[in-house]
PDB file of N, CA and C in Angstrom:
ATOM      1  N   UNK A   1    -263.229 -62.140 -95.665  1.00  0.00           N
ATOM      2  CA  UNK A   1    -263.550 -60.873 -96.294  1.00  0.00           C
ATOM      3  C   UNK A   1    -262.507 -60.616 -97.378  1.00  0.00           C
ATOM      4  N   UNK A   2    -262.979 -60.394 -98.581  1.00  0.00           N
ATOM      5  CA  UNK A   2    -262.021 -60.173 -99.665  1.00  0.00           C
ATOM      6  C   UNK A   2    -261.588 -58.702 -99.709  1.00  0.00           C
ATOM      7  N   UNK A   3    -260.678 -58.403-100.602  1.00  0.00           N
ATOM      8  CA  UNK A   3    -260.055 -57.071-100.669  1.00  0.00           C
ATOM      9  C   UNK A   3    -261.067 -55.981-101.009  1.00  0.00           C
ATOM     10  N   UNK A   4    -261.975 -56.222-101.929  1.00  0.00           N
ATOM     11  CA  UNK A   4    -262.931 -55.183-102.308  1.00  0.00           C
ATOM     12  C   UNK A   4    -263.890 -54.882-101.158  1.00  0.00           C
ATOM     13  N   UNK A   5    -264.273 -55.888-100.392  1.00  0.00           N
ATOM     14  CA  UNK A   5    -265.138 -55.652 -99.238  1.00  0.00           C
ATOM     15  C   UNK A   5    -264.400 -54.868 -98.156  1.00  0.00           C
ATOM     16  N   UNK A   6    -263.117 -55.156 -97.979  1.00  0.00           N
ATOM     17  CA  UNK A   6    -262.318 -54.408 -97.001  1.00  0.00           C
ATOM     18  C   UNK A   6    -262.217 -52.941 -97.398  1.00  0.00           C
ATOM     19  N   UNK A   7    -262.001 -52.680 -98.703  1.00  0.00           N
ATOM     20  CA  UNK A   7    -261.917 -51.296 -99.182  1.00  0.00           C
ATOM     21  C   UNK A   7    -263.255 -50.586 -99.034  1.00  0.00           C
ATOM     22  N   UNK A   8    -264.348 -51.293 -99.316  1.00  0.00           N
ATOM     23  CA  UNK A   8    -265.669 -50.703 -99.131  1.00  0.00           C
ATOM     24  C   UNK A   8    -265.908 -50.350 -97.668  1.00  0.00           C
ATOM     25  N   UNK A   9    -265.533 -51.232 -96.773  1.00  0.00           N
ATOM     26  CA  UNK A   9    -265.713 -50.989 -95.341  1.00  0.00           C
ATOM     27  C   UNK A   9    -264.882 -49.797 -94.885  1.00  0.00           C
ATOM     28  N   UNK A  10    -263.642 -49.734 -95.373  1.00  0.00           N
ATOM     29  CA  UNK A  10    -262.787 -48.588 -95.023  1.00  0.00           C
ATOM     30  C   UNK A  10    -263.366 -47.286 -95.579  1.00  0.00           C
ATOM     31  N   UNK A  11    -263.875 -47.336 -96.805  1.00  0.00           N
ATOM     32  CA  UNK A  11    -264.461 -46.139 -97.415  1.00  0.00           C
ATOM     33  C   UNK A  11    -265.672 -45.658 -96.646  1.00  0.00           C
ATOM     34  N   UNK A  12    -266.542 -46.594 -96.241  1.00  0.00           N
ATOM     35  CA  UNK A  12    -267.718 -46.217 -95.459  1.00  0.00           C
ATOM     36  C   UNK A  12    -267.300 -45.632 -94.112  1.00  0.00           C
ATOM     37  N   UNK A  13    -266.307 -46.242 -93.473  1.00  0.00           N
ATOM     38  CA  UNK A  13    -265.816 -45.750 -92.193  1.00  0.00           C
ATOM     39  C   UNK A  13    -265.264 -44.328 -92.350  1.00  0.00           C
ATOM     40  N   UNK A  14    -264.472 -44.120 -93.407  1.00  0.00           N
ATOM     41  CA  UNK A  14    -263.892 -42.803 -93.671  1.00  0.00           C
ATOM     42  C   UNK A  14    -264.993 -41.777 -93.936  1.00  0.00           C
ATOM     43  N   UNK A  15    -265.996 -42.139 -94.720  1.00  0.00           N
ATOM     44  CA  UNK A  15    -267.105 -41.216 -95.020  1.00  0.00           C
ATOM     45  C   UNK A  15    -267.861 -40.851 -93.759  1.00  0.00           C
ATOM     46  N   UNK A  16    -268.055 -41.831 -92.879  1.00  0.00           N
ATOM     47  CA  UNK A  16    -268.744 -41.546 -91.620  1.00  0.00           C
ATOM     48  C   UNK A  16    -267.933 -40.586 -90.763  1.00  0.00           C
ATOM     49  N   UNK A  17    -266.613 -40.750 -90.746  1.00  0.00           N
ATOM     50  CA  UNK A  17    -265.745 -39.851 -89.973  1.00  0.00           C
ATOM     51  C   UNK A  17    -265.804 -38.427 -90.530  1.00  0.00           C
ATOM     52  N   UNK A  18    -265.744 -38.318 -91.860  1.00  0.00           N
ATOM     53  CA  UNK A  18    -265.794 -36.997 -92.499  1.00  0.00           C
ATOM     54  C   UNK A  18    -267.137 -36.343 -92.234  1.00  0.00           C
ATOM     55  N   UNK A  19    -268.213 -37.098 -92.355  1.00  0.00           N
ATOM     56  CA  UNK A  19    -269.543 -36.553 -92.112  1.00  0.00           C
ATOM     57  C   UNK A  19    -269.685 -36.094 -90.659  1.00  0.00           C
ATOM     58  N   UNK A  20    -269.164 -36.870 -89.730  1.00  0.00           N
ATOM     59  CA  UNK A  20    -269.235 -36.488 -88.317  1.00  0.00           C
ATOM     60  C   UNK A  20    -268.441 -35.211 -88.055  1.00  0.00           C
ATOM     61  N   UNK A  21    -267.268 -35.105 -88.660  1.00  0.00           N
ATOM     62  CA  UNK A  21    -266.453 -33.893 -88.494  1.00  0.00           C
ATOM     63  C   UNK A  21    -267.155 -32.681 -89.102  1.00  0.00           C
ATOM     64  N   UNK A  22    -267.776 -32.862 -90.265  1.00  0.00           N
ATOM     65  CA  UNK A  22    -268.494 -31.759 -90.918  1.00  0.00           C
ATOM     66  C   UNK A  22    -269.677 -31.316 -90.072  1.00  0.00           C
ATOM     67  N   UNK A  23    -270.421 -32.257 -89.518  1.00  0.00           N
ATOM     68  CA  UNK A  23    -271.555 -31.909 -88.671  1.00  0.00           C
ATOM     69  C   UNK A  23    -271.106 -31.199 -87.396  1.00  0.00           C
ATOM     70  N   UNK A  24    -270.015 -31.637 -86.820  1.00  0.00           N
ATOM     71  CA  UNK A  24    -269.488 -30.986 -85.619  1.00  0.00           C
ATOM     72  C   UNK A  24    -269.068 -29.552 -85.929  1.00  0.00           C
ATOM     73  N   UNK A  25    -268.403 -29.369 -87.035  1.00  0.00           N
ATOM     74  CA  UNK A  25    -267.984 -28.022 -87.452  1.00  0.00           C
ATOM     75  C   UNK A  25    -269.186 -27.134 -87.707  1.00  0.00           C
ATOM     76  N   UNK A  26    -270.177 -27.656 -88.403  1.00  0.00           N
ATOM     77  CA  UNK A  26    -271.379 -26.868 -88.698  1.00  0.00           C
ATOM     78  C   UNK A  26    -272.107 -26.484 -87.414  1.00  0.00           C
ATOM     79  N   UNK A  27    -272.209 -27.411 -86.480  1.00  0.00           N
ATOM     80  CA  UNK A  27    -272.881 -27.112 -85.219  1.00  0.00           C
ATOM     81  C   UNK A  27    -272.118 -26.048 -84.432  1.00  0.00           C
ATOM     82  N   UNK A  28    -270.796 -26.130 -84.444  1.00  0.00           N
ATOM     83  CA  UNK A  28    -269.979 -25.140 -83.739  1.00  0.00           C
ATOM     84  C   UNK A  28    -270.158 -23.753 -84.352  1.00  0.00           C
ATOM     85  N   UNK A  29    -270.122 -23.674 -85.667  1.00  0.00           N
ATOM     86  CA  UNK A  29    -270.313 -22.386 -86.346  1.00  0.00           C
ATOM     87  C   UNK A  29    -271.702 -21.823 -86.080  1.00  0.00           C
ATOM     88  N   UNK A  30    -272.713 -22.675 -86.105  1.00  0.00           N
ATOM     89  CA  UNK A  30    -274.078 -22.222 -85.827  1.00  0.00           C
ATOM     90  C   UNK A  30    -274.176 -21.669 -84.415  1.00  0.00           C
ATOM     91  N   UNK A  31    -273.559 -22.341 -83.464  1.00  0.00           N
ATOM     92  CA  UNK A  31    -273.567 -21.869 -82.084  1.00  0.00           C
ATOM     93  C   UNK A  31    -272.878 -20.514 -81.956  1.00  0.00           C
ATOM     94  N   UNK A  32    -271.705 -20.366 -82.568  1.00  0.00           N
ATOM     95  CA  UNK A  32    -270.960 -19.100 -82.480  1.00  0.00           C
ATOM     96  C   UNK A  32    -271.727 -17.956 -83.130  1.00  0.00           C
ATOM     97  N   UNK A  33    -272.313 -18.211 -84.291  1.00  0.00           N
ATOM     98  CA  UNK A  33    -273.075 -17.159 -84.980  1.00  0.00           C
ATOM     99  C   UNK A  33    -274.296 -16.748 -84.174  1.00  0.00           C
ATOM    100  N   UNK A  34    -274.986 -17.701 -83.590  1.00  0.00           N
ATOM    101  CA  UNK A  34    -276.165 -17.354 -82.795  1.00  0.00           C
ATOM    102  C   UNK A  34    -275.760 -16.599 -81.536  1.00  0.00           C
ATOM    103  N   UNK A  35    -274.612 -16.921 -80.962  1.00  0.00           N
ATOM    104  CA  UNK A  35    -274.138 -16.208 -79.779  1.00  0.00           C
ATOM    105  C   UNK A  35    -273.808 -14.760 -80.122  1.00  0.00           C
ATOM    106  N   UNK A  36    -273.269 -14.528 -81.292  1.00  0.00           N
ATOM    107  CA  UNK A  36    -272.943 -13.164 -81.719  1.00  0.00           C
ATOM    108  C   UNK A  36    -274.211 -12.360 -81.960  1.00  0.00           C
ATOM    109  N   UNK A  37    -275.208 -12.976 -82.599  1.00  0.00           N
ATOM    110  CA  UNK A  37    -276.442 -12.266 -82.907  1.00  0.00           C
ATOM    111  C   UNK A  37    -277.259 -11.937 -81.663  1.00  0.00           C
ATOM    112  N   UNK A  38    -277.150 -12.744 -80.630  1.00  0.00           N
ATOM    113  CA  UNK A  38    -277.940 -12.548 -79.427  1.00  0.00           C
ATOM    114  C   UNK A  38    -277.188 -11.729 -78.387  1.00  0.00           C
ATOM    115  N   UNK A  39    -275.943 -11.400 -78.651  1.00  0.00           N
ATOM    116  CA  UNK A  39    -275.115 -10.673 -77.680  1.00  0.00           C
ATOM    117  C   UNK A  39    -275.758  -9.325 -77.343  1.00  0.00           C
ATOM    118  N   UNK A  40    -275.662  -8.899 -76.096  1.00  0.00           N
ATOM    119  CA  UNK A  40    -276.231  -7.604 -75.701  1.00  0.00           C
ATOM    120  C   UNK A  40    -275.462  -6.445 -76.321  1.00  0.00           C
ATOM    121  N   UNK A  41    -276.103  -5.296 -76.352  1.00  0.00           N
ATOM    122  CA  UNK A  41    -275.466  -4.095 -76.905  1.00  0.00           C
ATOM    123  C   UNK A  41    -274.240  -3.740 -76.072  1.00  0.00           C
ATOM    124  N   UNK A  42    -273.217  -3.177 -76.709  1.00  0.00           N
ATOM    125  CA  UNK A  42    -272.015  -2.797 -75.957  1.00  0.00           C
ATOM    126  C   UNK A  42    -272.351  -1.776 -74.876  1.00  0.00           C
ATOM    127  N   UNK A  43    -271.592  -1.800 -73.811  1.00  0.00           N
ATOM    128  CA  UNK A  43    -271.864  -0.918 -72.684  1.00  0.00           C
ATOM    129  C   UNK A  43    -271.525   0.536 -72.987  1.00  0.00           C
ATOM    130  N   UNK A  44    -270.748   0.777 -74.055  1.00  0.00           N
ATOM    131  CA  UNK A  44    -270.390   2.159 -74.361  1.00  0.00           C
ATOM    132  C   UNK A  44    -271.471   2.880 -75.153  1.00  0.00           C
ATOM    133  N   UNK A  45    -272.533   2.189 -75.592  1.00  0.00           N
ATOM    134  CA  UNK A  45    -273.628   2.840 -76.305  1.00  0.00           C
ATOM    135  C   UNK A  45    -274.408   3.689 -75.305  1.00  0.00           C
ATOM    136  N   UNK A  46    -274.515   4.975 -75.592  1.00  0.00           N
ATOM    137  CA  UNK A  46    -275.181   5.884 -74.672  1.00  0.00           C
ATOM    138  C   UNK A  46    -276.517   6.325 -75.237  1.00  0.00           C
ATOM    139  N   UNK A  47    -277.414   6.657 -74.359  1.00  0.00           N
ATOM    140  CA  UNK A  47    -278.708   7.213 -74.749  1.00  0.00           C
ATOM    141  C   UNK A  47    -278.485   8.646 -75.226  1.00  0.00           C
ATOM    142  N   UNK A  48    -279.118   9.008 -76.329  1.00  0.00           N
ATOM    143  CA  UNK A  48    -279.001  10.372 -76.849  1.00  0.00           C
ATOM    144  C   UNK A  48    -279.856  11.287 -75.969  1.00  0.00           C
ATOM    145  N   UNK A  49    -279.266  12.353 -75.415  1.00  0.00           N
ATOM    146  CA  UNK A  49    -280.044  13.242 -74.546  1.00  0.00           C
ATOM    147  C   UNK A  49    -281.159  13.950 -75.325  1.00  0.00           C
ATOM    148  N   UNK A  50    -282.314  14.078 -74.696  1.00  0.00           N
ATOM    149  CA  UNK A  50    -283.473  14.747 -75.296  1.00  0.00           C
ATOM    150  C   UNK A  50    -283.597  16.120 -74.639  1.00  0.00           C
ATOM    151  N   UNK A  51    -283.364  17.179 -75.429  1.00  0.00           N
ATOM    152  CA  UNK A  51    -283.341  18.543 -74.897  1.00  0.00           C
ATOM    153  C   UNK A  51    -284.173  19.473 -75.779  1.00  0.00           C
ATOM    154  N   UNK A  52    -284.549  20.635 -75.207  1.00  0.00           N
ATOM    155  CA  UNK A  52    -285.289  21.638 -75.986  1.00  0.00           C
ATOM    156  C   UNK A  52    -284.367  22.504 -76.823  1.00  0.00           C
ATOM    157  N   UNK A  53    -283.098  22.622 -76.429  1.00  0.00           N
ATOM    158  CA  UNK A  53    -282.124  23.406 -77.206  1.00  0.00           C
ATOM    159  C   UNK A  53    -280.747  22.770 -77.078  1.00  0.00           C
ATOM    160  N   UNK A  54    -279.777  23.305 -77.845  1.00  0.00           N
ATOM    161  CA  UNK A  54    -278.435  22.719 -77.895  1.00  0.00           C
ATOM    162  C   UNK A  54    -277.765  22.730 -76.522  1.00  0.00           C
ATOM    163  N   UNK A  55    -276.952  21.716 -76.235  1.00  0.00           N
ATOM    164  CA  UNK A  55    -276.157  21.746 -75.003  1.00  0.00           C
ATOM    165  C   UNK A  55    -275.148  22.897 -75.047  1.00  0.00           C
ATOM    166  N   UNK A  56    -274.795  23.429 -73.894  1.00  0.00           N
ATOM    167  CA  UNK A  56    -273.921  24.594 -73.824  1.00  0.00           C
ATOM    168  C   UNK A  56    -272.481  24.295 -74.239  1.00  0.00           C
ATOM    169  N   UNK A  57    -271.868  23.286 -73.680  1.00  0.00           N
ATOM    170  CA  UNK A  57    -270.463  22.975 -73.960  1.00  0.00           C
ATOM    171  C   UNK A  57    -270.379  21.768 -74.877  1.00  0.00           C
ATOM    172  N   UNK A  58    -270.588  21.999 -76.153  1.00  0.00           N
ATOM    173  CA  UNK A  58    -270.626  20.895 -77.120  1.00  0.00           C
ATOM    174  C   UNK A  58    -269.230  20.407 -77.462  1.00  0.00           C
ATOM    175  N   UNK A  59    -269.137  19.104 -77.722  1.00  0.00           N
ATOM    176  CA  UNK A  59    -267.899  18.480 -78.177  1.00  0.00           C
ATOM    177  C   UNK A  59    -268.142  17.923 -79.565  1.00  0.00           C
ATOM    178  N   UNK A  60    -267.096  17.835 -80.368  1.00  0.00           N
ATOM    179  CA  UNK A  60    -267.212  17.320 -81.726  1.00  0.00           C
ATOM    180  C   UNK A  60    -267.821  15.920 -81.687  1.00  0.00           C
ATOM    181  N   UNK A  61    -268.770  15.673 -82.569  1.00  0.00           N
ATOM    182  CA  UNK A  61    -269.520  14.424 -82.721  1.00  0.00           C
ATOM    183  C   UNK A  61    -270.500  14.151 -81.584  1.00  0.00           C
ATOM    184  N   UNK A  62    -270.777  15.155 -80.759  1.00  0.00           N
ATOM    185  CA  UNK A  62    -271.777  14.997 -79.700  1.00  0.00           C
ATOM    186  C   UNK A  62    -273.172  15.040 -80.324  1.00  0.00           C
ATOM    187  N   UNK A  63    -274.079  14.232 -79.818  1.00  0.00           N
ATOM    188  CA  UNK A  63    -275.445  14.168 -80.327  1.00  0.00           C
ATOM    189  C   UNK A  63    -276.428  14.698 -79.299  1.00  0.00           C
ATOM    190  N   UNK A  64    -277.564  15.195 -79.774  1.00  0.00           N
ATOM    191  CA  UNK A  64    -278.704  15.470 -78.907  1.00  0.00           C
ATOM    192  C   UNK A  64    -279.963  15.454 -79.758  1.00  0.00           C
ATOM    193  N   UNK A  65    -281.093  15.156 -79.127  1.00  0.00           N
ATOM    194  CA  UNK A  65    -282.384  15.128 -79.813  1.00  0.00           C
ATOM    195  C   UNK A  65    -283.163  16.355 -79.397  1.00  0.00           C
ATOM    196  N   UNK A  66    -283.539  17.183 -80.377  1.00  0.00           N
ATOM    197  CA  UNK A  66    -284.298  18.394 -80.107  1.00  0.00           C
ATOM    198  C   UNK A  66    -285.766  18.014 -79.985  1.00  0.00           C
ATOM    199  N   UNK A  67    -286.341  18.224 -78.801  1.00  0.00           N
ATOM    200  CA  UNK A  67    -287.728  17.826 -78.572  1.00  0.00           C
ATOM    201  C   UNK A  67    -288.725  18.791 -79.201  1.00  0.00           C
ATOM    202  N   UNK A  68    -288.286  20.004 -79.551  1.00  0.00           N
ATOM    203  CA  UNK A  68    -289.205  20.951 -80.185  1.00  0.00           C
ATOM    204  C   UNK A  68    -289.435  20.610 -81.653  1.00  0.00           C
ATOM    205  N   UNK A  69    -288.346  20.432 -82.419  1.00  0.00           N
ATOM    206  CA  UNK A  69    -288.534  20.120 -83.842  1.00  0.00           C
ATOM    207  C   UNK A  69    -288.412  18.628 -84.151  1.00  0.00           C
ATOM    208  N   UNK A  70    -288.255  17.822 -83.092  1.00  0.00           N
ATOM    209  CA  UNK A  70    -288.230  16.356 -83.211  1.00  0.00           C
ATOM    210  C   UNK A  70    -287.187  15.850 -84.215  1.00  0.00           C
ATOM    211  N   UNK A  71    -285.963  16.367 -84.075  1.00  0.00           N
ATOM    212  CA  UNK A  71    -284.851  15.961 -84.933  1.00  0.00           C
ATOM    213  C   UNK A  71    -283.614  15.744 -84.075  1.00  0.00           C
ATOM    214  N   UNK A  72    -282.751  14.862 -84.560  1.00  0.00           N
ATOM    215  CA  UNK A  72    -281.479  14.622 -83.897  1.00  0.00           C
ATOM    216  C   UNK A  72    -280.418  15.493 -84.557  1.00  0.00           C
ATOM    217  N   UNK A  73    -279.525  16.050 -83.745  1.00  0.00           N
ATOM    218  CA  UNK A  73    -278.459  16.912 -84.251  1.00  0.00           C
ATOM    219  C   UNK A  73    -277.104  16.388 -83.788  1.00  0.00           C
ATOM    220  N   UNK A  74    -276.072  16.727 -84.576  1.00  0.00           N
ATOM    221  CA  UNK A  74    -274.700  16.377 -84.231  1.00  0.00           C
ATOM    222  C   UNK A  74    -273.851  17.633 -84.342  1.00  0.00           C
ATOM    223  N   UNK A  75    -272.894  17.776 -83.437  1.00  0.00           N
ATOM    224  CA  UNK A  75    -272.025  18.946 -83.434  1.00  0.00           C
ATOM    225  C   UNK A  75    -270.791  18.644 -84.271  1.00  0.00           C
ATOM    226  N   UNK A  76    -270.543  19.465 -85.299  1.00  0.00           N
ATOM    227  CA  UNK A  76    -269.421  19.213 -86.216  1.00  0.00           C
ATOM    228  C   UNK A  76    -268.171  20.014 -85.862  1.00  0.00           C
ATOM    229  N   UNK A  77    -268.167  20.668 -84.725  1.00  0.00           N
ATOM    230  CA  UNK A  77    -267.015  21.459 -84.306  1.00  0.00           C
ATOM    231  C   UNK A  77    -267.268  22.944 -84.465  1.00  0.00           C
ATOM    232  N   UNK A  78    -268.253  23.300 -85.290  1.00  0.00           N
ATOM    233  CA  UNK A  78    -268.595  24.713 -85.497  1.00  0.00           C
ATOM    234  C   UNK A  78    -270.066  24.994 -85.223  1.00  0.00           C
ATOM    235  N   UNK A  79    -270.918  24.022 -85.560  1.00  0.00           N
ATOM    236  CA  UNK A  79    -272.354  24.235 -85.400  1.00  0.00           C
ATOM    237  C   UNK A  79    -273.066  22.892 -85.280  1.00  0.00           C
ATOM    238  N   UNK A  80    -274.332  22.955 -84.846  1.00  0.00           N
ATOM    239  CA  UNK A  80    -275.172  21.769 -84.766  1.00  0.00           C
ATOM    240  C   UNK A  80    -275.829  21.555 -86.122  1.00  0.00           C
ATOM    241  N   UNK A  81    -275.679  20.363 -86.681  1.00  0.00           N
ATOM    242  CA  UNK A  81    -276.269  20.048 -87.990  1.00  0.00           C
ATOM    243  C   UNK A  81    -277.199  18.846 -87.837  1.00  0.00           C
ATOM    244  N   UNK A  82    -278.212  18.732 -88.699  1.00  0.00           N
ATOM    245  CA  UNK A  82    -279.138  17.589 -88.602  1.00  0.00           C
ATOM    246  C   UNK A  82    -278.386  16.271 -88.756  1.00  0.00           C
ATOM    247  N   UNK A  83    -278.761  15.298 -87.960  1.00  0.00           N
ATOM    248  CA  UNK A  83    -278.117  13.983 -87.990  1.00  0.00           C
ATOM    249  C   UNK A  83    -279.123  12.959 -88.489  1.00  0.00           C
ATOM    250  N   UNK A  84    -279.548  13.135 -89.746  1.00  0.00           N
ATOM    251  CA  UNK A  84    -280.488  12.214 -90.368  1.00  0.00           C
ATOM    252  C   UNK A  84    -280.278  12.269 -91.879  1.00  0.00           C
ATOM    253  N   UNK A  85    -281.224  11.810 -92.652  1.00  0.00           N
ATOM    254  CA  UNK A  85    -281.064  11.784 -94.109  1.00  0.00           C
ATOM    255  C   UNK A  85    -280.940  13.187 -94.699  1.00  0.00           C
ATOM    256  N   UNK A  86    -281.443  14.208 -94.004  1.00  0.00           N
ATOM    257  CA  UNK A  86    -281.361  15.567 -94.538  1.00  0.00           C
ATOM    258  C   UNK A  86    -279.937  16.113 -94.513  1.00  0.00           C
ATOM    259  N   UNK A  87    -279.015  15.435 -93.856  1.00  0.00           N
ATOM    260  CA  UNK A  87    -277.626  15.906 -93.805  1.00  0.00           C
ATOM    261  C   UNK A  87    -277.026  15.968 -95.200  1.00  0.00           C
ATOM    262  N   UNK A  88    -277.440  15.078 -96.089  1.00  0.00           N
ATOM    263  CA  UNK A  88    -276.915  15.087 -97.456  1.00  0.00           C
ATOM    264  C   UNK A  88    -277.261  16.386 -98.168  1.00  0.00           C
ATOM    265  N   UNK A  89    -278.510  16.830 -98.083  1.00  0.00           N
ATOM    266  CA  UNK A  89    -278.885  18.083 -98.742  1.00  0.00           C
ATOM    267  C   UNK A  89    -278.258  19.275 -98.030  1.00  0.00           C
ATOM    268  N   UNK A  90    -278.095  19.187 -96.704  1.00  0.00           N
ATOM    269  CA  UNK A  90    -277.465  20.270 -95.957  1.00  0.00           C
ATOM    270  C   UNK A  90    -276.018  20.455 -96.408  1.00  0.00           C
ATOM    271  N   UNK A  91    -275.282  19.362 -96.532  1.00  0.00           N
ATOM    272  CA  UNK A  91    -273.887  19.432 -96.941  1.00  0.00           C
ATOM    273  C   UNK A  91    -273.783  19.984 -98.349  1.00  0.00           C
ATOM    274  N   UNK A  92    -274.663  19.548 -99.246  1.00  0.00           N
ATOM    275  CA  UNK A  92    -274.623  20.047-100.621  1.00  0.00           C
ATOM    276  C   UNK A  92    -274.884  21.546-100.658  1.00  0.00           C
ATOM    277  N   UNK A  93    -275.887  22.021 -99.925  1.00  0.00           N
ATOM    278  CA  UNK A  93    -276.201  23.448 -99.936  1.00  0.00           C
ATOM    279  C   UNK A  93    -275.089  24.271 -99.304  1.00  0.00           C
ATOM    280  N   UNK A  94    -274.533  23.778 -98.218  1.00  0.00           N
ATOM    281  CA  UNK A  94    -273.559  24.559 -97.463  1.00  0.00           C
ATOM    282  C   UNK A  94    -272.191  24.597 -98.132  1.00  0.00           C
ATOM    283  N   UNK A  95    -271.751  23.468 -98.689  1.00  0.00           N
ATOM    284  CA  UNK A  95    -270.365  23.380 -99.138  1.00  0.00           C
ATOM    285  C   UNK A  95    -270.187  23.302-100.650  1.00  0.00           C
ATOM    286  N   UNK A  96    -271.260  23.250-101.416  1.00  0.00           N
ATOM    287  CA  UNK A  96    -271.125  23.191-102.869  1.00  0.00           C
ATOM    288  C   UNK A  96    -270.708  24.554-103.387  1.00  0.00           C
ATOM    289  N   UNK A  97    -269.654  24.562-104.196  1.00  0.00           N
ATOM    290  CA  UNK A  97    -269.164  25.828-104.735  1.00  0.00           C
ATOM    291  C   UNK A  97    -269.985  26.211-105.963  1.00  0.00           C
ATOM    292  N   UNK A  98    -270.428  27.461-106.039  1.00  0.00           N
ATOM    293  CA  UNK A  98    -271.168  27.884-107.231  1.00  0.00           C
ATOM    294  C   UNK A  98    -270.222  28.009-108.420  1.00  0.00           C
ATOM    295  N   UNK A  99    -270.769  27.800-109.624  1.00  0.00           N
ATOM    296  CA  UNK A  99    -269.948  27.974-110.822  1.00  0.00           C
ATOM    297  C   UNK A  99    -269.637  29.446-110.999  1.00  0.00           C
ATOM    298  N   UNK A 100    -268.382  29.720-111.285  1.00  0.00           N
ATOM    299  CA  UNK A 100    -267.979  31.103-111.515  1.00  0.00           C
ATOM    300  C   UNK A 100    -267.994  31.371-113.008  1.00  0.00           C
ATOM    301  N   UNK A 101    -268.442  32.549-113.374  1.00  0.00           N
ATOM    302  CA  UNK A 101    -268.444  32.907-114.786  1.00  0.00           C
ATOM    303  C   UNK A 101    -267.380  33.955-115.029  1.00  0.00           C
ATOM    304  N   UNK A 102    -266.780  33.889-116.190  1.00  0.00           N
ATOM    305  CA  UNK A 102    -265.782  34.892-116.544  1.00  0.00           C
ATOM    306  C   UNK A 102    -266.503  36.130-117.075  1.00  0.00           C
ATOM    307  N   UNK A 103    -265.784  37.142-117.392  1.00  0.00           N
ATOM    308  CA  UNK A 103    -266.359  38.399-117.851  1.00  0.00           C
ATOM    309  C   UNK A 103    -267.154  38.271-119.149  1.00  0.00           C
ATOM    310  N   UNK A 104    -266.908  37.242-119.971  1.00  0.00           N
ATOM    311  CA  UNK A 104    -267.613  37.118-121.234  1.00  0.00           C
ATOM    312  C   UNK A 104    -268.900  36.304-121.115  1.00  0.00           C
ATOM    313  N   UNK A 105    -269.312  35.957-119.890  1.00  0.00           N
ATOM    314  CA  UNK A 105    -270.570  35.249-119.703  1.00  0.00           C
ATOM    315  C   UNK A 105    -270.433  33.738-119.797  1.00  0.00           C
ATOM    316  N   UNK A 106    -269.209  33.250-120.011  1.00  0.00           N
ATOM    317  CA  UNK A 106    -268.999  31.802-120.100  1.00  0.00           C
ATOM    318  C   UNK A 106    -268.485  31.293-118.763  1.00  0.00           C
ATOM    319  N   UNK A 107    -268.764  30.038-118.485  1.00  0.00           N
ATOM    320  CA  UNK A 107    -268.268  29.452-117.257  1.00  0.00           C
ATOM    321  C   UNK A 107    -266.760  29.405-117.282  1.00  0.00           C
ATOM    322  N   UNK A 108    -266.143  29.601-116.127  1.00  0.00           N
ATOM    323  CA  UNK A 108    -264.685  29.588-116.047  1.00  0.00           C
ATOM    324  C   UNK A 108    -264.159  28.234-116.482  1.00  0.00           C
ATOM    325  N   UNK A 109    -263.094  28.229-117.251  1.00  0.00           N
ATOM    326  CA  UNK A 109    -262.500  26.992-117.713  1.00  0.00           C
ATOM    327  C   UNK A 109    -262.971  26.565-119.072  1.00  0.00           C
ATOM    328  N   UNK A 110    -264.053  27.132-119.585  1.00  0.00           N
ATOM    329  CA  UNK A 110    -264.522  26.752-120.904  1.00  0.00           C
ATOM    330  C   UNK A 110    -263.879  27.654-121.935  1.00  0.00           C
ATOM    331  N   UNK A 111    -263.769  27.164-123.134  1.00  0.00           N
ATOM    332  CA  UNK A 111    -263.160  27.969-124.194  1.00  0.00           C
ATOM    333  C   UNK A 111    -263.830  27.653-125.512  1.00  0.00           C
ATOM    334  N   UNK A 112    -263.565  28.512-126.478  1.00  0.00           N
ATOM    335  CA  UNK A 112    -264.105  28.300-127.824  1.00  0.00           C
ATOM    336  C   UNK A 112    -262.994  28.093-128.817  1.00  0.00           C
ATOM    337  N   UNK A 113    -261.832  27.651-128.350  1.00  0.00           N
ATOM    338  CA  UNK A 113    -260.687  27.435-129.227  1.00  0.00           C
ATOM    339  C   UNK A 113    -261.039  26.359-130.238  1.00  0.00           C
ATOM    340  N   UNK A 114    -260.753  26.610-131.487  1.00  0.00           N
ATOM    341  CA  UNK A 114    -261.008  25.645-132.546  1.00  0.00           C
ATOM    342  C   UNK A 114    -262.355  25.829-133.221  1.00  0.00           C
ATOM    343  N   UNK A 115    -263.160  26.739-132.726  1.00  0.00           N
ATOM    344  CA  UNK A 115    -264.453  27.009-133.350  1.00  0.00           C
ATOM    345  C   UNK A 115    -264.421  28.373-134.003  1.00  0.00           C
ATOM    346  N   UNK A 116    -265.031  28.517-135.162  1.00  0.00           N
ATOM    347  CA  UNK A 116    -265.015  29.824-135.855  1.00  0.00           C
ATOM    348  C   UNK A 116    -265.888  30.861-135.189  1.00  0.00           C
TER     349      UNK A 116
END
């Protein structure tokens, strides 16, 4: 066997080793990912209670599902607020500050400096 054939044989052997290692790694990753995706839900996930009205002794971030209006609510420490997409409009309506106008009918902070 001459030198070039020996190098070719070594190269093929090395490529086979690398390919085997890559396949082993890929199979291991596939197994781990599938195990994560199939894992059961954590035991701390609780069923949301279904009630006709708010619970009496509410705690911050407590949830309940109102069976009368068919909506989920969350307690924010002061009141029960909707716990769905409508929370965005609720927050805007409740906490958005109205623009204040000064005595001259212009919005506060605006000026006409530099204009005749």
